[in-house]
Amino acid sequence: LPNWSASHLLLYVWVLSLVLEELRQALLSKISFSAYISDTWNIFDIVAILLFNIGAISFILRLATPVVEALFGVQGDQAGISSSQETLLRLSRLCLALALFVFFLRILQFFSISVTLGPKVVMIQNMITNDLMPFMVILLTFTFGYGIAMWSITFPTNDPSISEAMVMIVRLMRVSYFQIYGEMNMDLITG
């Protein structure tokens, strides 16, 4: 949606009610802040609210042309303003989609009280923390190590700037990850 609508206002009011509830739970309850943060569901709430706020702010800032000009340094350049507004819209959609994903994960807490679904939710949580996360650390370590070694051997004289280096890191991670599955990207490797 390119402009404001009633659904945006309804969504902002709903998330504001969630923020007020989390503040009430964190500040007015008799538990300490460290005990509040130690609960996994509260961490999900905080992450979802932060992602939503980033998405909402970038959506709102996109509509203010003077702010876009000041943020991106494109005073008077209509093509630059349009491109910057598109970038803010993409950022907004990304953050809002991630917030929605975390809000859906939050629904799992309601399933935990069910006699049939509750134990399965606990089993999935234990599987993710005890099995999947260590495997992902090992996979990322080998993938990143192989990717950097392969990239530095393939392109030994390349001296990128910081922004180019960030793009190259994402690219080398993508290439090395898909090489696990047999996609060799020979056009990239051979030049």
N, C-alpha and C. Protein backbone atom coordinates (compact mmCIF):
# COMPACT_ATOMS: atom_id res chain seq x y z
N LEU A 1 0.84 -1.18 0.00
CA LEU A 1 0.00 0.00 0.00
C LEU A 1 0.88 1.24 0.00
N PRO A 2 0.74 2.10 -1.00
CA PRO A 2 1.63 3.24 -1.09
C PRO A 2 1.31 4.36 -0.12
N ASN A 3 0.08 4.49 0.34
CA ASN A 3 -0.31 5.59 1.21
C ASN A 3 -1.01 5.07 2.45
N TRP A 4 -1.43 5.99 3.30
CA TRP A 4 -2.12 5.64 4.53
C TRP A 4 -3.48 5.05 4.24
N SER A 5 -3.91 4.18 5.13
CA SER A 5 -5.27 3.65 5.05
C SER A 5 -5.75 3.38 6.48
N ALA A 6 -7.00 3.02 6.59
CA ALA A 6 -7.56 2.73 7.92
C ALA A 6 -6.91 1.49 8.53
N SER A 7 -6.48 0.56 7.68
CA SER A 7 -5.84 -0.64 8.22
C SER A 7 -4.50 -0.31 8.86
N HIS A 8 -3.78 0.69 8.33
CA HIS A 8 -2.52 1.11 8.96
C HIS A 8 -2.79 1.66 10.35
N LEU A 9 -3.79 2.51 10.46
CA LEU A 9 -4.13 3.09 11.76
C LEU A 9 -4.55 2.02 12.75
N LEU A 10 -5.35 1.07 12.30
CA LEU A 10 -5.78 -0.02 13.17
C LEU A 10 -4.58 -0.86 13.62
N LEU A 11 -3.66 -1.13 12.71
CA LEU A 11 -2.47 -1.90 13.04
C LEU A 11 -1.59 -1.16 14.05
N TYR A 12 -1.42 0.16 13.87
CA TYR A 12 -0.61 0.94 14.81
C TYR A 12 -1.25 0.97 16.20
N VAL A 13 -2.56 1.07 16.26
CA VAL A 13 -3.24 1.07 17.56
C VAL A 13 -3.09 -0.30 18.23
N TRP A 14 -3.19 -1.38 17.44
CA TRP A 14 -3.04 -2.72 18.00
C TRP A 14 -1.63 -2.92 18.56
N VAL A 15 -0.62 -2.52 17.81
CA VAL A 15 0.75 -2.70 18.30
C VAL A 15 1.02 -1.78 19.48
N LEU A 16 0.43 -0.58 19.49
CA LEU A 16 0.56 0.30 20.64
C LEU A 16 -0.03 -0.36 21.89
N SER A 17 -1.14 -1.07 21.74
CA SER A 17 -1.71 -1.78 22.89
C SER A 17 -0.76 -2.89 23.36
N LEU A 18 -0.10 -3.57 22.42
CA LEU A 18 0.90 -4.58 22.81
C LEU A 18 2.08 -3.95 23.53
N VAL A 19 2.52 -2.78 23.06
CA VAL A 19 3.64 -2.08 23.71
C VAL A 19 3.25 -1.70 25.13
N LEU A 20 2.05 -1.15 25.30
CA LEU A 20 1.60 -0.76 26.64
C LEU A 20 1.49 -1.98 27.56
N GLU A 21 1.03 -3.10 27.02
CA GLU A 21 0.94 -4.32 27.83
C GLU A 21 2.32 -4.82 28.23
N GLU A 22 3.28 -4.77 27.32
CA GLU A 22 4.64 -5.21 27.65
C GLU A 22 5.27 -4.26 28.67
N LEU A 23 5.04 -2.97 28.54
CA LEU A 23 5.55 -2.02 29.53
C LEU A 23 4.92 -2.27 30.89
N ARG A 24 3.62 -2.54 30.92
CA ARG A 24 2.97 -2.85 32.18
C ARG A 24 3.55 -4.11 32.80
N GLN A 25 3.77 -5.10 31.95
CA GLN A 25 4.30 -6.38 32.45
C GLN A 25 5.73 -6.20 32.96
N ALA A 26 6.54 -5.39 32.28
CA ALA A 26 7.94 -5.23 32.67
C ALA A 26 8.11 -4.30 33.87
N LEU A 27 7.31 -3.24 33.94
CA LEU A 27 7.54 -2.22 34.96
C LEU A 27 6.68 -2.40 36.20
N LEU A 28 5.45 -2.84 36.04
CA LEU A 28 4.54 -2.88 37.18
C LEU A 28 4.45 -4.24 37.86
N SER A 29 5.00 -5.25 37.24
CA SER A 29 4.99 -6.56 37.90
C SER A 29 6.07 -6.60 38.96
N LYS A 30 5.98 -7.57 39.83
CA LYS A 30 6.89 -7.65 40.98
C LYS A 30 8.20 -8.36 40.64
N ILE A 31 8.46 -8.65 39.36
CA ILE A 31 9.69 -9.35 39.00
C ILE A 31 10.74 -8.34 38.54
N SER A 32 11.99 -8.74 38.60
CA SER A 32 13.07 -7.87 38.15
C SER A 32 13.14 -7.85 36.63
N PHE A 33 13.86 -6.86 36.11
CA PHE A 33 13.98 -6.75 34.65
C PHE A 33 14.75 -7.92 34.07
N SER A 34 15.75 -8.43 34.79
CA SER A 34 16.50 -9.59 34.29
C SER A 34 15.61 -10.83 34.23
N ALA A 35 14.69 -10.97 35.18
CA ALA A 35 13.76 -12.09 35.13
C ALA A 35 12.78 -11.91 33.97
N TYR A 36 12.40 -10.67 33.71
CA TYR A 36 11.51 -10.39 32.58
C TYR A 36 12.18 -10.75 31.26
N ILE A 37 13.44 -10.37 31.11
CA ILE A 37 14.18 -10.63 29.87
C ILE A 37 14.50 -12.12 29.72
N SER A 38 14.61 -12.85 30.83
CA SER A 38 14.97 -14.27 30.74
C SER A 38 13.85 -15.12 30.13
N ASP A 39 12.64 -14.61 30.07
CA ASP A 39 11.54 -15.34 29.46
C ASP A 39 11.63 -15.21 27.94
N THR A 40 11.65 -16.34 27.24
CA THR A 40 11.79 -16.36 25.79
C THR A 40 10.66 -15.63 25.10
N TRP A 41 9.44 -15.75 25.62
CA TRP A 41 8.29 -15.11 24.98
C TRP A 41 8.39 -13.59 25.07
N ASN A 42 8.94 -13.08 26.17
CA ASN A 42 9.13 -11.63 26.28
C ASN A 42 10.17 -11.13 25.28
N ILE A 43 11.19 -11.94 25.03
CA ILE A 43 12.19 -11.56 24.03
C ILE A 43 11.55 -11.51 22.65
N PHE A 44 10.68 -12.50 22.35
CA PHE A 44 9.94 -12.47 21.08
C PHE A 44 9.12 -11.19 20.96
N ASP A 45 8.45 -10.81 22.06
CA ASP A 45 7.64 -9.59 22.04
C ASP A 45 8.49 -8.36 21.76
N ILE A 46 9.62 -8.25 22.44
CA ILE A 46 10.48 -7.08 22.26
C ILE A 46 11.01 -7.02 20.84
N VAL A 47 11.47 -8.15 20.31
CA VAL A 47 12.00 -8.17 18.94
C VAL A 47 10.92 -7.80 17.94
N ALA A 48 9.72 -8.36 18.11
CA ALA A 48 8.63 -8.07 17.18
C ALA A 48 8.25 -6.59 17.23
N ILE A 49 8.18 -6.03 18.42
CA ILE A 49 7.81 -4.62 18.55
C ILE A 49 8.89 -3.73 17.97
N LEU A 50 10.17 -4.06 18.20
CA LEU A 50 11.25 -3.25 17.62
C LEU A 50 11.23 -3.32 16.09
N LEU A 51 11.05 -4.52 15.54
CA LEU A 51 10.98 -4.65 14.09
C LEU A 51 9.79 -3.89 13.52
N PHE A 52 8.65 -3.98 14.20
CA PHE A 52 7.48 -3.25 13.74
C PHE A 52 7.73 -1.74 13.76
N ASN A 53 8.36 -1.26 14.84
CA ASN A 53 8.63 0.18 14.94
C ASN A 53 9.58 0.65 13.85
N ILE A 54 10.61 -0.12 13.55
CA ILE A 54 11.53 0.24 12.47
C ILE A 54 10.78 0.28 11.14
N GLY A 55 9.94 -0.73 10.91
CA GLY A 55 9.16 -0.77 9.68
C GLY A 55 8.17 0.37 9.58
N ALA A 56 7.49 0.68 10.68
CA ALA A 56 6.51 1.76 10.67
C ALA A 56 7.18 3.12 10.49
N ILE A 57 8.31 3.31 11.16
CA ILE A 57 9.01 4.60 11.02
C ILE A 57 9.53 4.78 9.61
N SER A 58 10.09 3.73 9.02
CA SER A 58 10.58 3.87 7.65
C SER A 58 9.42 4.07 6.68
N PHE A 59 8.27 3.47 6.95
CA PHE A 59 7.09 3.70 6.11
C PHE A 59 6.62 5.14 6.20
N ILE A 60 6.60 5.69 7.41
CA ILE A 60 6.15 7.07 7.60
C ILE A 60 7.17 8.05 7.03
N LEU A 61 8.47 7.82 7.25
CA LEU A 61 9.50 8.72 6.74
C LEU A 61 9.51 8.75 5.22
N ARG A 62 9.12 7.65 4.60
CA ARG A 62 9.10 7.59 3.14
C ARG A 62 8.14 8.61 2.55
N LEU A 63 7.09 8.92 3.30
CA LEU A 63 6.08 9.85 2.81
C LEU A 63 6.49 11.31 2.95
N ALA A 64 7.51 11.59 3.75
CA ALA A 64 7.97 12.97 3.97
C ALA A 64 9.17 13.24 3.07
N THR A 65 8.94 13.92 1.95
CA THR A 65 10.00 14.17 0.97
C THR A 65 11.17 14.96 1.55
N PRO A 66 10.97 16.03 2.36
CA PRO A 66 12.13 16.73 2.92
C PRO A 66 13.01 15.85 3.80
N VAL A 67 12.38 14.93 4.53
CA VAL A 67 13.15 14.01 5.37
C VAL A 67 13.95 13.05 4.50
N VAL A 68 13.35 12.56 3.43
CA VAL A 68 14.05 11.65 2.51
C VAL A 68 15.23 12.37 1.88
N GLU A 69 15.03 13.64 1.48
CA GLU A 69 16.13 14.41 0.88
C GLU A 69 17.27 14.59 1.88
N ALA A 70 16.95 14.85 3.14
CA ALA A 70 17.99 15.05 4.15
C ALA A 70 18.68 13.74 4.51
N LEU A 71 17.92 12.64 4.60
CA LEU A 71 18.52 11.36 4.97
C LEU A 71 19.48 10.82 3.91
N PHE A 72 19.07 10.94 2.65
CA PHE A 72 19.83 10.33 1.56
C PHE A 72 20.67 11.34 0.78
N GLY A 73 20.57 12.61 1.09
CA GLY A 73 21.37 13.63 0.41
C GLY A 73 21.04 13.77 -1.06
N VAL A 74 19.76 13.76 -1.41
CA VAL A 74 19.35 13.86 -2.81
C VAL A 74 18.48 15.10 -3.02
N GLN A 75 18.92 16.26 -2.54
CA GLN A 75 18.14 17.48 -2.64
C GLN A 75 17.86 17.84 -4.09
N GLY A 76 16.56 17.90 -4.41
CA GLY A 76 16.15 18.35 -5.73
C GLY A 76 16.20 17.29 -6.82
N ASP A 77 16.88 16.20 -6.61
CA ASP A 77 16.99 15.15 -7.63
C ASP A 77 15.78 14.22 -7.52
N GLN A 78 14.83 14.37 -8.46
CA GLN A 78 13.59 13.62 -8.37
C GLN A 78 13.81 12.11 -8.50
N ALA A 79 14.74 11.70 -9.37
CA ALA A 79 15.03 10.28 -9.51
C ALA A 79 15.65 9.73 -8.23
N GLY A 80 16.53 10.52 -7.60
CA GLY A 80 17.14 10.09 -6.34
C GLY A 80 16.13 10.01 -5.22
N ILE A 81 15.20 10.96 -5.19
CA ILE A 81 14.15 10.94 -4.17
C ILE A 81 13.27 9.71 -4.35
N SER A 82 12.89 9.44 -5.59
CA SER A 82 12.05 8.27 -5.87
C SER A 82 12.77 6.98 -5.49
N SER A 83 14.05 6.88 -5.83
CA SER A 83 14.83 5.70 -5.47
C SER A 83 14.97 5.57 -3.96
N SER A 84 15.16 6.67 -3.27
CA SER A 84 15.29 6.64 -1.81
C SER A 84 13.98 6.25 -1.15
N GLN A 85 12.87 6.75 -1.69
CA GLN A 85 11.56 6.36 -1.15
C GLN A 85 11.31 4.87 -1.38
N GLU A 86 11.74 4.35 -2.52
CA GLU A 86 11.60 2.92 -2.80
C GLU A 86 12.46 2.10 -1.84
N THR A 87 13.66 2.59 -1.51
CA THR A 87 14.52 1.90 -0.55
C THR A 87 13.87 1.86 0.83
N LEU A 88 13.29 2.99 1.26
CA LEU A 88 12.61 3.01 2.55
C LEU A 88 11.38 2.10 2.55
N LEU A 89 10.68 2.03 1.42
CA LEU A 89 9.53 1.14 1.34
C LEU A 89 9.97 -0.32 1.44
N ARG A 90 11.09 -0.66 0.78
CA ARG A 90 11.60 -2.04 0.88
C ARG A 90 12.01 -2.36 2.31
N LEU A 91 12.70 -1.42 2.97
CA LEU A 91 13.09 -1.61 4.37
C LEU A 91 11.85 -1.80 5.23
N SER A 92 10.84 -0.99 4.99
CA SER A 92 9.60 -1.08 5.76
C SER A 92 8.95 -2.44 5.56
N ARG A 93 8.86 -2.90 4.34
CA ARG A 93 8.23 -4.20 4.09
C ARG A 93 9.03 -5.34 4.70
N LEU A 94 10.35 -5.26 4.63
CA LEU A 94 11.19 -6.30 5.22
C LEU A 94 10.99 -6.36 6.72
N CYS A 95 11.06 -5.22 7.39
CA CYS A 95 10.91 -5.21 8.85
C CYS A 95 9.51 -5.63 9.27
N LEU A 96 8.49 -5.18 8.53
CA LEU A 96 7.13 -5.57 8.88
C LEU A 96 6.90 -7.06 8.66
N ALA A 97 7.50 -7.62 7.61
CA ALA A 97 7.36 -9.06 7.37
C ALA A 97 8.05 -9.86 8.47
N LEU A 98 9.24 -9.43 8.88
CA LEU A 98 9.94 -10.12 9.97
C LEU A 98 9.18 -9.98 11.29
N ALA A 99 8.59 -8.80 11.53
CA ALA A 99 7.78 -8.61 12.74
C ALA A 99 6.58 -9.54 12.73
N LEU A 100 5.94 -9.66 11.57
CA LEU A 100 4.80 -10.57 11.46
C LEU A 100 5.21 -12.01 11.73
N PHE A 101 6.38 -12.40 11.21
CA PHE A 101 6.89 -13.75 11.46
C PHE A 101 7.09 -13.97 12.96
N VAL A 102 7.68 -13.00 13.65
CA VAL A 102 7.91 -13.15 15.09
C VAL A 102 6.58 -13.15 15.84
N PHE A 103 5.62 -12.34 15.40
CA PHE A 103 4.30 -12.37 16.04
C PHE A 103 3.64 -13.74 15.86
N PHE A 104 3.81 -14.36 14.68
CA PHE A 104 3.27 -15.71 14.49
C PHE A 104 3.98 -16.72 15.38
N LEU A 105 5.29 -16.56 15.56
CA LEU A 105 5.99 -17.45 16.50
C LEU A 105 5.45 -17.28 17.92
N ARG A 106 5.06 -16.07 18.22
CA ARG A 106 4.52 -15.76 19.54
C ARG A 106 3.23 -16.53 19.81
N ILE A 107 2.50 -16.86 18.75
CA ILE A 107 1.25 -17.60 18.89
C ILE A 107 1.51 -19.00 19.47
N LEU A 108 2.73 -19.50 19.30
CA LEU A 108 3.05 -20.83 19.84
C LEU A 108 2.85 -20.91 21.35
N GLN A 109 2.96 -19.77 22.04
CA GLN A 109 2.75 -19.79 23.48
C GLN A 109 1.32 -20.22 23.81
N PHE A 110 0.37 -19.81 22.99
CA PHE A 110 -1.02 -20.20 23.24
C PHE A 110 -1.22 -21.69 23.01
N PHE A 111 -0.44 -22.28 22.11
CA PHE A 111 -0.54 -23.71 21.86
C PHE A 111 0.05 -24.52 23.02
N SER A 112 0.91 -23.91 23.81
CA SER A 112 1.58 -24.66 24.86
C SER A 112 0.63 -25.10 25.97
N ILE A 113 -0.53 -24.49 26.07
CA ILE A 113 -1.48 -24.91 27.11
C ILE A 113 -2.33 -26.09 26.66
N SER A 114 -2.28 -26.42 25.38
CA SER A 114 -3.05 -27.55 24.87
C SER A 114 -2.41 -28.87 25.31
N VAL A 115 -3.26 -29.84 25.62
CA VAL A 115 -2.76 -31.15 26.05
C VAL A 115 -2.05 -31.87 24.91
N THR A 116 -2.56 -31.72 23.69
CA THR A 116 -1.95 -32.43 22.57
C THR A 116 -0.83 -31.63 21.91
N LEU A 117 -1.00 -30.31 21.78
CA LEU A 117 0.02 -29.51 21.10
C LEU A 117 1.13 -29.01 22.02
N GLY A 118 0.84 -28.88 23.30
CA GLY A 118 1.82 -28.35 24.24
C GLY A 118 3.13 -29.12 24.28
N PRO A 119 3.10 -30.45 24.45
CA PRO A 119 4.36 -31.20 24.46
C PRO A 119 5.11 -31.11 23.13
N LYS A 120 4.39 -31.01 22.03
CA LYS A 120 5.06 -30.89 20.73
C LYS A 120 5.78 -29.55 20.60
N VAL A 121 5.17 -28.49 21.12
CA VAL A 121 5.83 -27.18 21.10
C VAL A 121 7.11 -27.23 21.93
N VAL A 122 7.06 -27.87 23.09
CA VAL A 122 8.25 -28.00 23.93
C VAL A 122 9.31 -28.84 23.22
N MET A 123 8.89 -29.93 22.55
CA MET A 123 9.85 -30.76 21.82
C MET A 123 10.51 -29.98 20.68
N ILE A 124 9.72 -29.21 19.96
CA ILE A 124 10.28 -28.40 18.86
C ILE A 124 11.25 -27.37 19.41
N GLN A 125 10.90 -26.73 20.52
CA GLN A 125 11.80 -25.74 21.13
C GLN A 125 13.11 -26.39 21.57
N ASN A 126 13.04 -27.57 22.18
CA ASN A 126 14.26 -28.26 22.59
C ASN A 126 15.08 -28.71 21.39
N MET A 127 14.41 -29.14 20.33
CA MET A 127 15.12 -29.55 19.12
C MET A 127 15.87 -28.38 18.50
N ILE A 128 15.23 -27.22 18.47
CA ILE A 128 15.88 -26.05 17.88
C ILE A 128 17.09 -25.62 18.71
N THR A 129 16.92 -25.55 20.02
CA THR A 129 18.02 -25.07 20.86
C THR A 129 19.13 -26.09 21.03
N ASN A 130 18.79 -27.37 21.13
CA ASN A 130 19.82 -28.38 21.41
C ASN A 130 20.42 -29.02 20.17
N ASP A 131 19.68 -29.08 19.07
CA ASP A 131 20.17 -29.78 17.88
C ASP A 131 20.45 -28.84 16.71
N LEU A 132 19.47 -28.00 16.37
CA LEU A 132 19.59 -27.18 15.17
C LEU A 132 20.62 -26.07 15.32
N MET A 133 20.62 -25.38 16.44
CA MET A 133 21.54 -24.24 16.61
C MET A 133 23.01 -24.69 16.58
N PRO A 134 23.42 -25.74 17.28
CA PRO A 134 24.82 -26.17 17.14
C PRO A 134 25.16 -26.59 15.71
N PHE A 135 24.23 -27.25 15.03
CA PHE A 135 24.48 -27.63 13.64
C PHE A 135 24.65 -26.41 12.77
N MET A 136 23.82 -25.38 12.98
CA MET A 136 23.93 -24.16 12.18
C MET A 136 25.26 -23.44 12.42
N VAL A 137 25.73 -23.45 13.65
CA VAL A 137 27.03 -22.83 13.95
C VAL A 137 28.14 -23.56 13.20
N ILE A 138 28.10 -24.89 13.23
CA ILE A 138 29.11 -25.67 12.52
C ILE A 138 29.00 -25.44 11.01
N LEU A 139 27.79 -25.46 10.48
CA LEU A 139 27.59 -25.24 9.04
C LEU A 139 28.08 -23.86 8.62
N LEU A 140 27.73 -22.83 9.37
CA LEU A 140 28.17 -21.47 9.02
C LEU A 140 29.68 -21.33 9.13
N THR A 141 30.29 -21.98 10.11
CA THR A 141 31.74 -21.90 10.25
C THR A 141 32.43 -22.49 9.03
N PHE A 142 32.03 -23.67 8.62
CA PHE A 142 32.66 -24.29 7.45
C PHE A 142 32.31 -23.54 6.16
N THR A 143 31.08 -23.11 6.01
CA THR A 143 30.67 -22.40 4.81
C THR A 143 31.41 -21.07 4.69
N PHE A 144 31.50 -20.34 5.78
CA PHE A 144 32.19 -19.05 5.76
C PHE A 144 33.68 -19.24 5.51
N GLY A 145 34.28 -20.20 6.19
CA GLY A 145 35.71 -20.47 5.99
C GLY A 145 36.02 -20.88 4.56
N TYR A 146 35.23 -21.81 4.02
CA TYR A 146 35.43 -22.23 2.63
C TYR A 146 35.18 -21.08 1.67
N GLY A 147 34.14 -20.30 1.91
CA GLY A 147 33.81 -19.20 1.02
C GLY A 147 34.91 -18.15 0.95
N ILE A 148 35.47 -17.80 2.09
CA ILE A 148 36.55 -16.80 2.10
C ILE A 148 37.80 -17.36 1.43
N ALA A 149 38.13 -18.62 1.71
CA ALA A 149 39.30 -19.21 1.07
C ALA A 149 39.11 -19.31 -0.44
N MET A 150 37.95 -19.76 -0.88
CA MET A 150 37.67 -19.88 -2.31
C MET A 150 37.70 -18.52 -2.99
N TRP A 151 37.12 -17.52 -2.35
CA TRP A 151 37.05 -16.17 -2.94
C TRP A 151 38.44 -15.55 -3.04
N SER A 152 39.25 -15.71 -1.99
CA SER A 152 40.59 -15.09 -2.02
C SER A 152 41.52 -15.81 -3.00
N ILE A 153 41.30 -17.09 -3.23
CA ILE A 153 42.10 -17.81 -4.23
C ILE A 153 41.63 -17.45 -5.64
N THR A 154 40.32 -17.31 -5.82
CA THR A 154 39.77 -16.99 -7.13
C THR A 154 40.08 -15.56 -7.55
N PHE A 155 40.00 -14.62 -6.63
CA PHE A 155 40.23 -13.21 -6.93
C PHE A 155 41.35 -12.68 -6.03
N PRO A 156 42.61 -13.03 -6.29
CA PRO A 156 43.69 -12.67 -5.36
C PRO A 156 44.07 -11.19 -5.39
N THR A 157 43.82 -10.48 -6.47
CA THR A 157 44.27 -9.08 -6.54
C THR A 157 43.15 -8.10 -6.28
N ASN A 158 41.99 -8.55 -5.87
CA ASN A 158 40.85 -7.68 -5.63
C ASN A 158 41.03 -6.95 -4.31
N ASP A 159 40.91 -5.63 -4.31
CA ASP A 159 41.02 -4.81 -3.10
C ASP A 159 39.77 -3.94 -3.00
N PRO A 160 38.69 -4.47 -2.41
CA PRO A 160 37.43 -3.75 -2.42
C PRO A 160 37.34 -2.68 -1.34
N SER A 161 36.44 -1.72 -1.55
CA SER A 161 36.12 -0.77 -0.50
C SER A 161 35.21 -1.46 0.52
N ILE A 162 34.84 -0.74 1.56
CA ILE A 162 34.01 -1.33 2.62
C ILE A 162 32.65 -1.75 2.07
N SER A 163 32.00 -0.89 1.29
CA SER A 163 30.69 -1.24 0.77
C SER A 163 30.78 -2.40 -0.23
N GLU A 164 31.83 -2.41 -1.05
CA GLU A 164 32.01 -3.52 -1.98
C GLU A 164 32.32 -4.81 -1.22
N ALA A 165 33.06 -4.69 -0.13
CA ALA A 165 33.40 -5.87 0.67
C ALA A 165 32.15 -6.50 1.29
N MET A 166 31.20 -5.67 1.74
CA MET A 166 29.97 -6.21 2.31
C MET A 166 29.17 -6.96 1.25
N VAL A 167 29.11 -6.41 0.05
CA VAL A 167 28.41 -7.09 -1.04
C VAL A 167 29.13 -8.38 -1.39
N MET A 168 30.46 -8.36 -1.39
CA MET A 168 31.24 -9.55 -1.71
C MET A 168 31.05 -10.64 -0.65
N ILE A 169 30.95 -10.26 0.62
CA ILE A 169 30.75 -11.24 1.68
C ILE A 169 29.41 -11.95 1.50
N VAL A 170 28.38 -11.19 1.20
CA VAL A 170 27.07 -11.80 0.96
C VAL A 170 27.13 -12.72 -0.25
N ARG A 171 27.82 -12.26 -1.29
CA ARG A 171 27.93 -13.05 -2.51
C ARG A 171 28.72 -14.34 -2.29
N LEU A 172 29.84 -14.23 -1.57
CA LEU A 172 30.64 -15.43 -1.34
C LEU A 172 29.93 -16.41 -0.43
N MET A 173 29.14 -15.91 0.53
CA MET A 173 28.36 -16.82 1.36
C MET A 173 27.30 -17.54 0.53
N ARG A 174 26.67 -16.80 -0.38
CA ARG A 174 25.66 -17.42 -1.24
C ARG A 174 26.29 -18.48 -2.14
N VAL A 175 27.44 -18.14 -2.74
CA VAL A 175 28.11 -19.09 -3.64
C VAL A 175 28.56 -20.32 -2.88
N SER A 176 29.22 -20.12 -1.74
CA SER A 176 29.73 -21.28 -1.00
C SER A 176 28.59 -22.12 -0.43
N TYR A 177 27.47 -21.49 -0.04
CA TYR A 177 26.33 -22.26 0.47
C TYR A 177 25.73 -23.12 -0.64
N PHE A 178 25.54 -22.56 -1.82
CA PHE A 178 24.92 -23.35 -2.89
C PHE A 178 25.89 -24.36 -3.49
N GLN A 179 27.18 -24.20 -3.26
CA GLN A 179 28.12 -25.22 -3.70
C GLN A 179 27.97 -26.49 -2.88
N ILE A 180 27.42 -26.39 -1.69
CA ILE A 180 27.11 -27.58 -0.89
C ILE A 180 26.16 -28.49 -1.66
N TYR A 181 25.24 -27.89 -2.39
CA TYR A 181 24.22 -28.64 -3.12
C TYR A 181 24.59 -28.91 -4.57
N GLY A 182 25.82 -28.57 -4.96
CA GLY A 182 26.29 -28.91 -6.29
C GLY A 182 26.22 -27.78 -7.30
N GLU A 183 25.72 -26.62 -6.93
CA GLU A 183 25.70 -25.49 -7.85
C GLU A 183 27.07 -24.82 -7.82
N MET A 184 27.86 -25.02 -8.84
CA MET A 184 29.26 -24.59 -8.82
C MET A 184 29.47 -23.15 -9.26
N ASN A 185 28.49 -22.51 -9.89
CA ASN A 185 28.63 -21.12 -10.36
C ASN A 185 29.92 -20.96 -11.18
N MET A 186 30.08 -21.77 -12.16
CA MET A 186 31.30 -21.74 -12.97
C MET A 186 31.50 -20.42 -13.70
N ASP A 187 30.41 -19.73 -14.04
CA ASP A 187 30.57 -18.45 -14.71
C ASP A 187 31.22 -17.43 -13.79
N LEU A 188 30.95 -17.48 -12.48
CA LEU A 188 31.61 -16.59 -11.55
C LEU A 188 33.05 -16.98 -11.30
N ILE A 189 33.31 -18.28 -11.15
CA ILE A 189 34.65 -18.75 -10.80
C ILE A 189 35.61 -18.56 -11.97
N THR A 190 35.15 -18.83 -13.19
CA THR A 190 36.04 -18.71 -14.35
C THR A 190 36.16 -17.28 -14.85
N GLY A 191 35.34 -16.40 -14.36
CA GLY A 191 35.44 -14.99 -14.75
C GLY A 191 34.57 -14.75 -15.87
